[in-house]
Amino acid sequence: WQGEDGCTDILYLNQDMREFELYGTVAAIISLCDSMNYITQEEDLKK
């Protein structure tokens, strides 16, 4: 709305990382801000 580049080039998906799905492979995956600490079971983290 302010005339700048916007969100059309970022794909946001509402998914649980324990069962996330992508349309193909990617060059890299990152997870920051201690998001992985929210996975409280070892078996889920392994998944």
All heavy atoms as atom14 arrays in JSON, in Angstrom:
{
  "sequence": "WQGEDGCTDILYLNQDMREFELYGTVAAIISLCDSMNYITQEEDLKK",
  "atom14_mask": [
    [1, 1, 1, 1, 1, 1, 1, 1, 1, 1, 1, 1, 1, 1],
    [1, 1, 1, 1, 1, 1, 1, 1, 1, 0, 0, 0, 0, 0],
    [1, 1, 1, 1, 0, 0, 0, 0, 0, 0, 0, 0, 0, 0],
    [1, 1, 1, 1, 1, 1, 1, 1, 1, 0, 0, 0, 0, 0],
    [1, 1, 1, 1, 1, 1, 1, 1, 0, 0, 0, 0, 0, 0],
    [1, 1, 1, 1, 0, 0, 0, 0, 0, 0, 0, 0, 0, 0],
    [1, 1, 1, 1, 1, 1, 0, 0, 0, 0, 0, 0, 0, 0],
    [1, 1, 1, 1, 1, 1, 1, 0, 0, 0, 0, 0, 0, 0],
    [1, 1, 1, 1, 1, 1, 1, 1, 0, 0, 0, 0, 0, 0],
    [1, 1, 1, 1, 1, 1, 1, 1, 0, 0, 0, 0, 0, 0],
    [1, 1, 1, 1, 1, 1, 1, 1, 0, 0, 0, 0, 0, 0],
    [1, 1, 1, 1, 1, 1, 1, 1, 1, 1, 1, 1, 0, 0],
    [1, 1, 1, 1, 1, 1, 1, 1, 0, 0, 0, 0, 0, 0],
    [1, 1, 1, 1, 1, 1, 1, 1, 0, 0, 0, 0, 0, 0],
    [1, 1, 1, 1, 1, 1, 1, 1, 1, 0, 0, 0, 0, 0],
    [1, 1, 1, 1, 1, 1, 1, 1, 0, 0, 0, 0, 0, 0],
    [1, 1, 1, 1, 1, 1, 1, 1, 0, 0, 0, 0, 0, 0],
    [1, 1, 1, 1, 1, 1, 1, 1, 1, 1, 1, 0, 0, 0],
    [1, 1, 1, 1, 1, 1, 1, 1, 1, 0, 0, 0, 0, 0],
    [1, 1, 1, 1, 1, 1, 1, 1, 1, 1, 1, 0, 0, 0],
    [1, 1, 1, 1, 1, 1, 1, 1, 1, 0, 0, 0, 0, 0],
    [1, 1, 1, 1, 1, 1, 1, 1, 0, 0, 0, 0, 0, 0],
    [1, 1, 1, 1, 1, 1, 1, 1, 1, 1, 1, 1, 0, 0],
    [1, 1, 1, 1, 0, 0, 0, 0, 0, 0, 0, 0, 0, 0],
    [1, 1, 1, 1, 1, 1, 1, 0, 0, 0, 0, 0, 0, 0],
    [1, 1, 1, 1, 1, 1, 1, 0, 0, 0, 0, 0, 0, 0],
    [1, 1, 1, 1, 1, 0, 0, 0, 0, 0, 0, 0, 0, 0],
    [1, 1, 1, 1, 1, 0, 0, 0, 0, 0, 0, 0, 0, 0],
    [1, 1, 1, 1, 1, 1, 1, 1, 0, 0, 0, 0, 0, 0],
    [1, 1, 1, 1, 1, 1, 1, 1, 0, 0, 0, 0, 0, 0],
    [1, 1, 1, 1, 1, 1, 0, 0, 0, 0, 0, 0, 0, 0],
    [1, 1, 1, 1, 1, 1, 1, 1, 0, 0, 0, 0, 0, 0],
    [1, 1, 1, 1, 1, 1, 0, 0, 0, 0, 0, 0, 0, 0],
    [1, 1, 1, 1, 1, 1, 1, 1, 0, 0, 0, 0, 0, 0],
    [1, 1, 1, 1, 1, 1, 0, 0, 0, 0, 0, 0, 0, 0],
    [1, 1, 1, 1, 1, 1, 1, 1, 0, 0, 0, 0, 0, 0],
    [1, 1, 1, 1, 1, 1, 1, 1, 0, 0, 0, 0, 0, 0],
    [1, 1, 1, 1, 1, 1, 1, 1, 1, 1, 1, 1, 0, 0],
    [1, 1, 1, 1, 1, 1, 1, 1, 0, 0, 0, 0, 0, 0],
    [1, 1, 1, 1, 1, 1, 1, 0, 0, 0, 0, 0, 0, 0],
    [1, 1, 1, 1, 1, 1, 1, 1, 1, 0, 0, 0, 0, 0],
    [1, 1, 1, 1, 1, 1, 1, 1, 1, 0, 0, 0, 0, 0],
    [1, 1, 1, 1, 1, 1, 1, 1, 1, 0, 0, 0, 0, 0],
    [1, 1, 1, 1, 1, 1, 1, 1, 0, 0, 0, 0, 0, 0],
    [1, 1, 1, 1, 1, 1, 1, 1, 0, 0, 0, 0, 0, 0],
    [1, 1, 1, 1, 1, 1, 1, 1, 1, 0, 0, 0, 0, 0],
    [1, 1, 1, 1, 1, 1, 1, 1, 1, 0, 0, 0, 0, 0]
  ],
  "atom14_positions": [
    [[0.83, -1.21, 0.0], [0.0, 0.0, 0.0], [0.86, 1.26, 0.0], [0.44, 2.31, -0.48], [-0.92, 0.0, 1.22], [-1.9, -1.14, 1.21], [-2.39, -1.81, 0.12], [-2.47, -1.78, 2.34], [-3.24, -2.82, 0.51], [-3.32, -2.83, 1.87], [-2.36, -1.59, 3.72], [-4.04, -3.65, 2.73], [-3.09, -2.41, 4.57], [-3.92, -3.43, 4.07]],
    [[2.07, 1.14, 0.55], [2.98, 2.29, 0.58], [3.83, 2.39, -0.7], [4.7, 3.24, -0.8], [3.9, 2.19, 1.79], [3.15, 2.3, 3.13], [4.0, 1.91, 4.31], [5.21, 1.69, 4.18], [3.38, 1.82, 5.48], [0.0, 0.0, 0.0], [0.0, 0.0, 0.0], [0.0, 0.0, 0.0], [0.0, 0.0, 0.0], [0.0, 0.0, 0.0]],
    [[3.53, 1.5, -1.66], [4.24, 1.54, -2.93], [5.55, 0.78, -2.94], [6.33, 0.89, -3.89], [0.0, 0.0, 0.0], [0.0, 0.0, 0.0], [0.0, 0.0, 0.0], [0.0, 0.0, 0.0], [0.0, 0.0, 0.0], [0.0, 0.0, 0.0], [0.0, 0.0, 0.0], [0.0, 0.0, 0.0], [0.0, 0.0, 0.0], [0.0, 0.0, 0.0]],
    [[5.82, -0.03, -1.91], [7.04, -0.81, -1.85], [6.75, -2.26, -2.26], [5.61, -2.69, -2.33], [7.64, -0.77, -0.44], [7.96, 0.63, 0.04], [8.54, 0.63, 1.44], [9.17, -0.37, 1.81], [8.37, 1.64, 2.15], [0.0, 0.0, 0.0], [0.0, 0.0, 0.0], [0.0, 0.0, 0.0], [0.0, 0.0, 0.0], [0.0, 0.0, 0.0]],
    [[7.84, -3.02, -2.49], [7.68, -4.44, -2.81], [7.01, -5.13, -1.64], [7.31, -4.86, -0.48], [9.04, -5.09, -3.09], [9.64, -4.6, -4.4], [8.86, -4.11, -5.24], [10.87, -4.68, -4.56], [0.0, 0.0, 0.0], [0.0, 0.0, 0.0], [0.0, 0.0, 0.0], [0.0, 0.0, 0.0], [0.0, 0.0, 0.0], [0.0, 0.0, 0.0]],
    [[6.13, -6.08, -1.96], [5.36, -6.68, -0.89], [5.48, -8.18, -0.77], [6.49, -8.77, -1.11], [0.0, 0.0, 0.0], [0.0, 0.0, 0.0], [0.0, 0.0, 0.0], [0.0, 0.0, 0.0], [0.0, 0.0, 0.0], [0.0, 0.0, 0.0], [0.0, 0.0, 0.0], [0.0, 0.0, 0.0], [0.0, 0.0, 0.0], [0.0, 0.0, 0.0]],
    [[4.4, -8.76, -0.29], [4.43, -10.14, 0.18], [4.29, -11.17, -0.92], [4.32, -12.36, -0.63], [3.31, -10.34, 1.19], [1.69, -10.25, 0.44], [0.0, 0.0, 0.0], [0.0, 0.0, 0.0], [0.0, 0.0, 0.0], [0.0, 0.0, 0.0], [0.0, 0.0, 0.0], [0.0, 0.0, 0.0], [0.0, 0.0, 0.0], [0.0, 0.0, 0.0]],
    [[4.11, -10.76, -2.15], [3.84, -11.74, -3.2], [5.01, -12.69, -3.42], [4.83, -13.74, -4.01], [3.51, -11.03, -4.53], [4.58, -10.13, -4.86], [2.22, -10.23, -4.4], [0.0, 0.0, 0.0], [0.0, 0.0, 0.0], [0.0, 0.0, 0.0], [0.0, 0.0, 0.0], [0.0, 0.0, 0.0], [0.0, 0.0, 0.0], [0.0, 0.0, 0.0]],
    [[6.21, -12.33, -2.95], [7.35, -13.2, -3.19], [7.73, -14.02, -1.96], [8.78, -14.67, -1.94], [8.56, -12.39, -3.67], [8.92, -11.26, -2.71], [8.16, -11.04, -1.76], [9.96, -10.63, -2.92], [0.0, 0.0, 0.0], [0.0, 0.0, 0.0], [0.0, 0.0, 0.0], [0.0, 0.0, 0.0], [0.0, 0.0, 0.0], [0.0, 0.0, 0.0]],
    [[6.91, -14.02, -0.9], [7.12, -14.89, 0.26], [5.9, -15.8, 0.38], [4.76, -15.32, 0.42], [7.32, -14.1, 1.56], [8.58, -13.24, 1.5], [7.43, -15.07, 2.75], [8.81, -12.4, 2.74], [0.0, 0.0, 0.0], [0.0, 0.0, 0.0], [0.0, 0.0, 0.0], [0.0, 0.0, 0.0], [0.0, 0.0, 0.0], [0.0, 0.0, 0.0]],
    [[6.13, -17.1, 0.45], [5.05, -18.05, 0.62], [4.96, -18.41, 2.11], [5.88, -19.02, 2.66], [5.31, -19.31, -0.21], [4.32, -20.47, -0.02], [2.92, -20.05, -0.45], [4.79, -21.7, -0.78], [0.0, 0.0, 0.0], [0.0, 0.0, 0.0], [0.0, 0.0, 0.0], [0.0, 0.0, 0.0], [0.0, 0.0, 0.0], [0.0, 0.0, 0.0]],
    [[3.87, -18.02, 2.74], [3.64, -18.35, 4.14], [2.67, -19.53, 4.23], [1.6, -19.51, 3.61], [3.09, -17.16, 4.91], [4.1, -16.07, 5.19], [3.98, -14.81, 4.58], [5.17, -16.28, 6.05], [4.91, -13.81, 4.84], [6.1, -15.29, 6.31], [5.96, -14.06, 5.7], [6.88, -13.06, 5.95], [0.0, 0.0, 0.0], [0.0, 0.0, 0.0]],
    [[3.04, -20.54, 5.01], [2.23, -21.74, 5.16], [1.92, -21.99, 6.62], [2.82, -21.97, 7.47], [2.98, -22.96, 4.59], [3.36, -22.91, 3.11], [4.22, -24.12, 2.75], [2.13, -22.85, 2.23], [0.0, 0.0, 0.0], [0.0, 0.0, 0.0], [0.0, 0.0, 0.0], [0.0, 0.0, 0.0], [0.0, 0.0, 0.0], [0.0, 0.0, 0.0]],
    [[0.65, -22.23, 6.91], [0.22, -22.54, 8.28], [0.31, -24.05, 8.49], [-0.6, -24.8, 8.17], [-1.22, -22.04, 8.47], [-1.77, -22.31, 9.85], [-2.97, -22.52, 10.03], [-0.92, -22.32, 10.86], [0.0, 0.0, 0.0], [0.0, 0.0, 0.0], [0.0, 0.0, 0.0], [0.0, 0.0, 0.0], [0.0, 0.0, 0.0], [0.0, 0.0, 0.0]],
    [[1.45, -24.49, 9.03], [1.7, -25.92, 9.23], [2.43, -26.15, 10.55], [3.16, -25.28, 11.04], [2.54, -26.49, 8.08], [1.88, -26.46, 6.72], [2.74, -27.09, 5.64], [3.9, -27.42, 5.84], [2.15, -27.26, 4.47], [0.0, 0.0, 0.0], [0.0, 0.0, 0.0], [0.0, 0.0, 0.0], [0.0, 0.0, 0.0], [0.0, 0.0, 0.0]],
    [[2.23, -27.34, 11.08], [2.98, -27.82, 12.24], [4.31, -28.36, 11.72], [4.33, -29.22, 10.83], [2.17, -28.92, 12.93], [2.78, -29.39, 14.24], [4.02, -29.36, 14.38], [2.0, -29.83, 15.12], [0.0, 0.0, 0.0], [0.0, 0.0, 0.0], [0.0, 0.0, 0.0], [0.0, 0.0, 0.0], [0.0, 0.0, 0.0], [0.0, 0.0, 0.0]],
    [[5.44, -27.89, 12.27], [6.73, -28.34, 11.75], [6.96, -29.83, 11.95], [7.8, -30.43, 11.28], [7.87, -27.54, 12.37], [8.13, -27.78, 13.83], [9.63, -26.93, 14.42], [9.07, -25.23, 14.45], [0.0, 0.0, 0.0], [0.0, 0.0, 0.0], [0.0, 0.0, 0.0], [0.0, 0.0, 0.0], [0.0, 0.0, 0.0], [0.0, 0.0, 0.0]],
    [[6.18, -30.46, 12.83], [6.32, -31.9, 13.03], [5.73, -32.71, 11.88], [5.96, -33.92, 11.79], [5.65, -32.31, 14.35], [6.34, -31.78, 15.59], [5.51, -31.97, 16.83], [4.26, -31.21, 16.77], [3.38, -31.14, 17.78], [3.62, -31.79, 18.91], [2.28, -30.43, 17.65], [0.0, 0.0, 0.0], [0.0, 0.0, 0.0], [0.0, 0.0, 0.0]],
    [[4.99, -32.04, 11.0], [4.41, -32.74, 9.85], [4.31, -31.81, 8.64], [3.37, -31.91, 7.85], [3.04, -33.31, 10.21], [2.1, -32.33, 10.87], [0.84, -32.98, 11.43], [0.89, -34.18, 11.74], [-0.18, -32.28, 11.54], [0.0, 0.0, 0.0], [0.0, 0.0, 0.0], [0.0, 0.0, 0.0], [0.0, 0.0, 0.0], [0.0, 0.0, 0.0]],
    [[5.29, -30.92, 8.51], [5.22, -29.95, 7.41], [5.43, -30.63, 6.05], [6.07, -31.68, 5.95], [6.23, -28.81, 7.63], [7.68, -29.15, 7.34], [8.24, -28.91, 6.09], [8.49, -29.68, 8.33], [9.56, -29.2, 5.82], [9.84, -29.97, 8.08], [10.37, -29.74, 6.82], [0.0, 0.0, 0.0], [0.0, 0.0, 0.0], [0.0, 0.0, 0.0]],
    [[4.87, -29.99, 5.02], [4.99, -30.48, 3.65], [5.39, -29.33, 2.73], [4.86, -28.22, 2.85], [3.66, -31.08, 3.17], [3.2, -32.31, 3.94], [1.9, -32.88, 3.41], [1.38, -32.32, 2.41], [1.4, -33.87, 3.96], [0.0, 0.0, 0.0], [0.0, 0.0, 0.0], [0.0, 0.0, 0.0], [0.0, 0.0, 0.0], [0.0, 0.0, 0.0]],
    [[6.3, -29.62, 1.81], [6.69, -28.66, 0.79], [6.37, -29.25, -0.58], [6.15, -30.45, -0.72], [8.18, -28.33, 0.89], [8.64, -27.66, 2.2], [10.15, -27.47, 2.2], [7.94, -26.32, 2.39], [0.0, 0.0, 0.0], [0.0, 0.0, 0.0], [0.0, 0.0, 0.0], [0.0, 0.0, 0.0], [0.0, 0.0, 0.0], [0.0, 0.0, 0.0]],
    [[6.39, -28.39, -1.6], [6.05, -28.83, -2.96], [7.25, -29.45, -3.66], [7.11, -30.03, -4.73], [5.51, -27.65, -3.76], [4.31, -27.0, -3.13], [4.4, -25.72, -2.6], [3.1, -27.67, -3.04], [3.29, -25.12, -2.0], [2.0, -27.09, -2.44], [2.1, -25.82, -1.93], [1.02, -25.23, -1.33], [0.0, 0.0, 0.0], [0.0, 0.0, 0.0]],
    [[8.42, -29.31, -3.09], [9.65, -29.86, -3.65], [10.79, -29.62, -2.68], [10.57, -29.17, -1.55], [0.0, 0.0, 0.0], [0.0, 0.0, 0.0], [0.0, 0.0, 0.0], [0.0, 0.0, 0.0], [0.0, 0.0, 0.0], [0.0, 0.0, 0.0], [0.0, 0.0, 0.0], [0.0, 0.0, 0.0], [0.0, 0.0, 0.0], [0.0, 0.0, 0.0]],
    [[11.99, -29.9, -3.09], [13.13, -29.71, -2.22], [13.62, -28.26, -2.27], [13.33, -27.52, -3.2], [14.29, -30.66, -2.59], [14.66, -30.44, -3.95], [13.87, -32.1, -2.39], [0.0, 0.0, 0.0], [0.0, 0.0, 0.0], [0.0, 0.0, 0.0], [0.0, 0.0, 0.0], [0.0, 0.0, 0.0], [0.0, 0.0, 0.0], [0.0, 0.0, 0.0]],
    [[14.38, -27.88, -1.24], [14.88, -26.51, -1.11], [16.37, -26.54, -0.81], [16.92, -27.56, -0.37], [14.13, -25.75, 0.0], [12.65, -25.62, -0.34], [14.32, -26.42, 1.35], [0.0, 0.0, 0.0], [0.0, 0.0, 0.0], [0.0, 0.0, 0.0], [0.0, 0.0, 0.0], [0.0, 0.0, 0.0], [0.0, 0.0, 0.0], [0.0, 0.0, 0.0]],
    [[17.02, -25.41, -1.05], [18.47, -25.34, -0.85], [18.86, -25.4, 0.61], [19.91, -25.97, 0.97], [19.02, -24.05, -1.49], [0.0, 0.0, 0.0], [0.0, 0.0, 0.0], [0.0, 0.0, 0.0], [0.0, 0.0, 0.0], [0.0, 0.0, 0.0], [0.0, 0.0, 0.0], [0.0, 0.0, 0.0], [0.0, 0.0, 0.0], [0.0, 0.0, 0.0]],
    [[18.04, -24.8, 1.46], [18.34, -24.76, 2.89], [17.06, -24.61, 3.69], [16.05, -24.1, 3.2], [19.3, -23.61, 3.21], [0.0, 0.0, 0.0], [0.0, 0.0, 0.0], [0.0, 0.0, 0.0], [0.0, 0.0, 0.0], [0.0, 0.0, 0.0], [0.0, 0.0, 0.0], [0.0, 0.0, 0.0], [0.0, 0.0, 0.0], [0.0, 0.0, 0.0]],
    [[17.12, -25.06, 4.93], [16.05, -24.87, 5.89], [16.67, -24.27, 7.14], [17.73, -24.7, 7.58], [15.32, -26.19, 6.2], [14.61, -26.71, 4.95], [14.33, -26.02, 7.34], [13.92, -28.06, 5.12], [0.0, 0.0, 0.0], [0.0, 0.0, 0.0], [0.0, 0.0, 0.0], [0.0, 0.0, 0.0], [0.0, 0.0, 0.0], [0.0, 0.0, 0.0]],
    [[16.01, -23.26, 7.69], [16.5, -22.63, 8.91], [15.37, -22.62, 9.94], [14.2, -22.72, 9.6], [17.0, -21.2, 8.67], [15.86, -20.28, 8.22], [18.13, -21.19, 7.64], [16.21, -18.81, 8.17], [0.0, 0.0, 0.0], [0.0, 0.0, 0.0], [0.0, 0.0, 0.0], [0.0, 0.0, 0.0], [0.0, 0.0, 0.0], [0.0, 0.0, 0.0]],
    [[15.75, -22.5, 11.21], [14.78, -22.33, 12.29], [15.48, -21.59, 13.41], [16.43, -22.1, 14.0], [14.26, -23.69, 12.77], [13.24, -23.5, 13.74], [0.0, 0.0, 0.0], [0.0, 0.0, 0.0], [0.0, 0.0, 0.0], [0.0, 0.0, 0.0], [0.0, 0.0, 0.0], [0.0, 0.0, 0.0], [0.0, 0.0, 0.0], [0.0, 0.0, 0.0]],
    [[15.0, -20.38, 13.7], [15.67, -19.51, 14.66], [14.75, -19.13, 15.82], [13.61, -19.58, 15.89], [16.18, -18.25, 13.96], [17.03, -18.46, 12.7], [17.5, -17.13, 12.15], [18.21, -19.37, 12.98], [0.0, 0.0, 0.0], [0.0, 0.0, 0.0], [0.0, 0.0, 0.0], [0.0, 0.0, 0.0], [0.0, 0.0, 0.0], [0.0, 0.0, 0.0]],
    [[15.28, -18.3, 16.7], [14.5, -17.77, 17.85], [13.97, -18.91, 18.72], [12.84, -18.87, 19.17], [13.37, -16.87, 17.38], [13.88, -15.55, 16.26], [0.0, 0.0, 0.0], [0.0, 0.0, 0.0], [0.0, 0.0, 0.0], [0.0, 0.0, 0.0], [0.0, 0.0, 0.0], [0.0, 0.0, 0.0], [0.0, 0.0, 0.0], [0.0, 0.0, 0.0]],
    [[14.78, -19.93, 18.95], [14.48, -21.1, 19.78], [13.18, -21.81, 19.43], [12.55, -22.44, 20.29], [14.54, -20.78, 21.28], [13.84, -19.5, 21.71], [12.62, -19.56, 21.96], [14.5, -18.47, 21.79], [0.0, 0.0, 0.0], [0.0, 0.0, 0.0], [0.0, 0.0, 0.0], [0.0, 0.0, 0.0], [0.0, 0.0, 0.0], [0.0, 0.0, 0.0]],
    [[12.78, -21.76, 18.17], [11.56, -22.46, 17.76], [11.66, -23.96, 18.01], [10.66, -24.61, 18.38], [11.27, -22.2, 16.28], [10.95, -20.85, 16.05], [0.0, 0.0, 0.0], [0.0, 0.0, 0.0], [0.0, 0.0, 0.0], [0.0, 0.0, 0.0], [0.0, 0.0, 0.0], [0.0, 0.0, 0.0], [0.0, 0.0, 0.0], [0.0, 0.0, 0.0]],
    [[12.84, -24.54, 17.82], [13.01, -25.98, 18.02], [12.84, -26.4, 19.48], [12.53, -27.55, 19.76], [14.37, -26.43, 17.49], [14.48, -26.48, 15.99], [13.46, -27.8, 15.29], [13.38, -27.26, 13.6], [0.0, 0.0, 0.0], [0.0, 0.0, 0.0], [0.0, 0.0, 0.0], [0.0, 0.0, 0.0], [0.0, 0.0, 0.0], [0.0, 0.0, 0.0]],
    [[13.05, -25.46, 20.41], [12.84, -25.79, 21.82], [11.37, -26.07, 22.13], [11.05, -26.66, 23.17], [13.34, -24.67, 22.72], [14.85, -24.57, 22.77], [15.43, -23.66, 22.18], [15.49, -25.5, 23.46], [0.0, 0.0, 0.0], [0.0, 0.0, 0.0], [0.0, 0.0, 0.0], [0.0, 0.0, 0.0], [0.0, 0.0, 0.0], [0.0, 0.0, 0.0]],
    [[10.46, -25.63, 21.23], [9.04, -25.91, 21.44], [8.7, -27.37, 21.16], [7.61, -27.83, 21.52], [8.18, -25.01, 20.55], [7.96, -23.63, 21.11], [8.72, -22.56, 20.68], [6.99, -23.38, 22.08], [8.53, -21.28, 21.19], [6.79, -22.13, 22.6], [7.56, -21.07, 22.15], [7.36, -19.81, 22.67], [0.0, 0.0, 0.0], [0.0, 0.0, 0.0]],
    [[9.6, -28.1, 20.53], [9.38, -29.53, 20.31], [9.88, -30.25, 21.55], [11.09, -30.4, 21.77], [10.13, -30.03, 19.06], [9.79, -29.15, 17.85], [9.79, -31.49, 18.78], [8.34, -29.15, 17.47], [0.0, 0.0, 0.0], [0.0, 0.0, 0.0], [0.0, 0.0, 0.0], [0.0, 0.0, 0.0], [0.0, 0.0, 0.0], [0.0, 0.0, 0.0]],
    [[8.96, -30.72, 22.39], [9.34, -31.19, 23.73], [9.54, -32.7, 23.84], [9.9, -33.19, 24.9], [8.27, -30.75, 24.76], [6.99, -31.29, 24.4], [8.18, -29.23, 24.82], [0.0, 0.0, 0.0], [0.0, 0.0, 0.0], [0.0, 0.0, 0.0], [0.0, 0.0, 0.0], [0.0, 0.0, 0.0], [0.0, 0.0, 0.0], [0.0, 0.0, 0.0]],
    [[9.31, -33.42, 22.75], [9.51, -34.87, 22.76], [10.61, -35.25, 21.77], [10.61, -34.76, 20.63], [8.22, -35.61, 22.4], [7.06, -35.35, 23.34], [7.32, -35.9, 24.74], [7.94, -36.96, 24.91], [6.84, -35.18, 25.75], [0.0, 0.0, 0.0], [0.0, 0.0, 0.0], [0.0, 0.0, 0.0], [0.0, 0.0, 0.0], [0.0, 0.0, 0.0]],
    [[11.53, -36.11, 22.19], [12.63, -36.51, 21.32], [12.14, -37.12, 20.01], [12.68, -36.83, 18.94], [13.56, -37.5, 22.03], [14.49, -36.88, 23.04], [15.56, -37.85, 23.51], [15.85, -38.83, 22.78], [16.1, -37.64, 24.61], [0.0, 0.0, 0.0], [0.0, 0.0, 0.0], [0.0, 0.0, 0.0], [0.0, 0.0, 0.0], [0.0, 0.0, 0.0]],
    [[11.11, -37.96, 20.09], [10.63, -38.61, 18.88], [10.06, -37.6, 17.89], [10.18, -37.76, 16.67], [9.59, -39.7, 19.2], [8.38, -39.22, 19.96], [8.52, -39.37, 21.47], [9.64, -39.27, 21.99], [7.47, -39.58, 22.12], [0.0, 0.0, 0.0], [0.0, 0.0, 0.0], [0.0, 0.0, 0.0], [0.0, 0.0, 0.0], [0.0, 0.0, 0.0]],
    [[9.44, -36.54, 18.41], [8.91, -35.49, 17.54], [10.05, -34.68, 16.91], [9.99, -34.3, 15.74], [7.99, -34.55, 18.32], [6.66, -35.19, 18.65], [6.27, -36.16, 17.97], [5.99, -34.72, 19.59], [0.0, 0.0, 0.0], [0.0, 0.0, 0.0], [0.0, 0.0, 0.0], [0.0, 0.0, 0.0], [0.0, 0.0, 0.0], [0.0, 0.0, 0.0]],
    [[11.08, -34.4, 17.7], [12.22, -33.65, 17.17], [12.93, -34.45, 16.08], [13.32, -33.92, 15.04], [13.19, -33.31, 18.3], [14.25, -32.25, 18.0], [13.63, -30.95, 17.52], [15.12, -32.01, 19.24], [0.0, 0.0, 0.0], [0.0, 0.0, 0.0], [0.0, 0.0, 0.0], [0.0, 0.0, 0.0], [0.0, 0.0, 0.0], [0.0, 0.0, 0.0]],
    [[13.06, -35.75, 16.3], [13.65, -36.61, 15.28], [12.8, -36.6, 14.01], [13.33, -36.56, 12.89], [13.78, -38.04, 15.79], [14.35, -39.02, 14.78], [14.4, -40.44, 15.34], [14.81, -41.45, 14.28], [14.81, -42.84, 14.81], [0.0, 0.0, 0.0], [0.0, 0.0, 0.0], [0.0, 0.0, 0.0], [0.0, 0.0, 0.0], [0.0, 0.0, 0.0]],
    [[11.48, -36.58, 14.16], [10.59, -36.53, 13.0], [10.79, -35.24, 12.23], [10.81, -35.24, 10.98], [9.13, -36.65, 13.46], [8.11, -36.55, 12.34], [8.28, -37.67, 11.31], [7.17, -37.62, 10.27], [7.36, -38.64, 9.21], [0.0, 0.0, 0.0], [0.0, 0.0, 0.0], [0.0, 0.0, 0.0], [0.0, 0.0, 0.0], [0.0, 0.0, 0.0]]
  ]
}
